[in-house]
Amino acid sequence: MHDHPDTPQPEPGASGPDVPEPAALLPEEGRQGAGHDVALERVRTVMGWYRHEITQERYTGTNTARLRELMDGLRECVADQQALEEAGPEEAARIAVLYQDRYAALTSEE
């Protein structure tokens, strides 16, 4: 389809007057990508493990020292989950690897 020669042509990369450019939707520092999603998923997986173990330990009520350790571990997860809100890509990647290893270690003890 050919436009009439007098029809104004949009600027390259322009998406129209009412549609903002994708890059304009979020400020650069507020954008979080797949790395953050992976890290958050892994932190939440470990948190779930701790919650399950805490529930089991409370049910049996036999080892208060282990219950304290589990609660401390869950607190660390919460702190890391909060840190992810401000983390850059490198920190998110570090947390993702840390929690992948942590989950593997926790589940290998079972």
Protein backbone atom coordinates (compact mmCIF):
# COMPACT_ATOMS: atom_id res chain seq x y z
CA MET A 1 0.00 0.00 0.00
CA HIS A 2 1.39 3.38 -0.99
CA ASP A 3 0.68 6.61 0.84
CA HIS A 4 -0.10 9.77 -0.98
CA PRO A 5 3.10 11.81 -1.35
CA ASP A 6 1.61 14.67 0.71
CA THR A 7 0.72 12.39 3.66
CA PRO A 8 3.09 13.01 6.57
CA GLN A 9 5.19 9.95 7.37
CA PRO A 10 5.74 8.93 11.02
CA GLU A 11 9.20 9.27 12.47
CA PRO A 12 11.12 5.98 12.52
CA GLY A 13 10.32 4.14 15.74
CA ALA A 14 7.24 6.25 16.44
CA SER A 15 4.23 4.27 17.60
CA GLY A 16 1.60 6.97 17.33
CA PRO A 17 0.50 9.94 19.41
CA ASP A 18 -1.51 7.95 21.97
CA VAL A 19 0.78 4.96 22.40
CA PRO A 20 3.91 5.49 24.52
CA GLU A 21 7.13 3.83 23.54
CA PRO A 22 7.73 0.63 25.59
CA ALA A 23 10.91 2.09 27.07
CA ALA A 24 8.91 5.05 28.35
CA LEU A 25 6.56 2.90 30.39
CA LEU A 26 8.97 2.36 33.27
CA PRO A 27 12.03 4.25 34.41
CA GLU A 28 15.27 2.38 33.78
CA GLU A 29 15.93 1.69 37.46
CA GLY A 30 12.39 0.34 37.98
CA ARG A 31 12.58 -2.30 35.27
CA GLN A 32 13.07 -5.86 36.49
CA GLY A 33 13.58 -8.71 34.12
CA ALA A 34 13.61 -12.45 34.04
CA GLY A 35 16.61 -12.62 36.38
CA HIS A 36 14.59 -11.01 39.14
CA ASP A 37 11.68 -13.35 38.46
CA VAL A 38 13.93 -16.42 38.68
CA ALA A 39 15.54 -15.20 41.90
CA LEU A 40 12.17 -14.40 43.45
CA GLU A 41 10.82 -17.82 42.51
CA ARG A 42 13.81 -19.55 44.08
CA VAL A 43 13.59 -17.50 47.27
CA ARG A 44 9.90 -18.32 47.54
CA THR A 45 10.61 -22.02 47.00
CA VAL A 46 13.08 -22.03 49.89
CA MET A 47 10.62 -20.04 52.01
CA GLY A 48 8.02 -22.70 51.33
CA TRP A 49 10.44 -25.40 52.44
CA TYR A 50 11.11 -23.53 55.68
CA ARG A 51 7.41 -22.96 56.33
CA HIS A 52 6.68 -26.65 55.84
CA GLU A 53 9.49 -27.67 58.18
CA ILE A 54 8.42 -25.09 60.78
CA THR A 55 4.88 -26.47 60.70
CA GLN A 56 6.17 -30.02 61.12
CA GLU A 57 8.47 -29.02 63.97
CA ARG A 58 5.70 -27.16 65.76
CA TYR A 59 3.44 -30.19 65.39
CA THR A 60 5.97 -32.55 66.93
CA GLY A 61 7.30 -29.94 69.35
CA THR A 62 10.38 -31.96 70.17
CA ASN A 63 13.32 -29.82 69.07
CA THR A 64 13.15 -26.14 69.98
CA ALA A 65 16.71 -25.50 68.79
CA ARG A 66 15.83 -26.76 65.31
CA LEU A 67 12.67 -24.64 65.32
CA ARG A 68 14.78 -21.56 66.10
CA GLU A 69 17.18 -22.44 63.25
CA LEU A 70 14.26 -22.83 60.86
CA MET A 71 12.77 -19.51 61.91
CA ASP A 72 16.14 -17.80 61.43
CA GLY A 73 16.42 -19.32 57.96
CA LEU A 74 12.95 -18.06 57.06
CA ARG A 75 13.88 -14.57 58.29
CA GLU A 76 16.93 -14.60 56.00
CA CYS A 77 14.67 -15.49 53.09
CA VAL A 78 12.34 -12.61 53.88
CA ALA A 79 15.29 -10.20 54.02
CA ASP A 80 16.59 -11.43 50.66
CA GLN A 81 13.12 -11.22 49.13
CA GLN A 82 12.94 -7.58 50.24
CA ALA A 83 16.46 -6.92 48.94
CA LEU A 84 15.38 -8.17 45.51
CA GLU A 85 13.03 -5.20 45.22
CA GLU A 86 16.02 -2.89 44.85
CA ALA A 87 18.55 -5.35 43.42
CA GLY A 88 20.23 -4.85 40.10
CA PRO A 89 20.69 -7.68 37.60
CA GLU A 90 24.00 -8.87 39.08
CA GLU A 91 22.61 -9.04 42.62
CA ALA A 92 19.49 -10.82 41.39
CA ALA A 93 21.65 -13.39 39.61
CA ARG A 94 23.74 -13.89 42.76
CA ILE A 95 20.62 -14.44 44.87
CA ALA A 96 19.20 -16.86 42.28
CA VAL A 97 22.34 -19.02 42.41
CA LEU A 98 22.52 -18.79 46.21
CA TYR A 99 18.94 -20.02 46.59
CA GLN A 100 19.30 -22.75 43.99
CA ASP A 101 22.24 -24.10 46.00
CA ARG A 102 20.46 -23.55 49.30
CA TYR A 103 17.39 -25.50 48.19
CA ALA A 104 19.57 -28.34 46.92
CA ALA A 105 21.38 -28.49 50.25
CA LEU A 106 18.17 -28.35 52.29
CA THR A 107 16.44 -31.06 50.29
CA SER A 108 19.47 -33.35 50.20
CA GLU A 109 19.37 -33.51 54.02
CA GLU A 110 15.90 -35.06 54.01
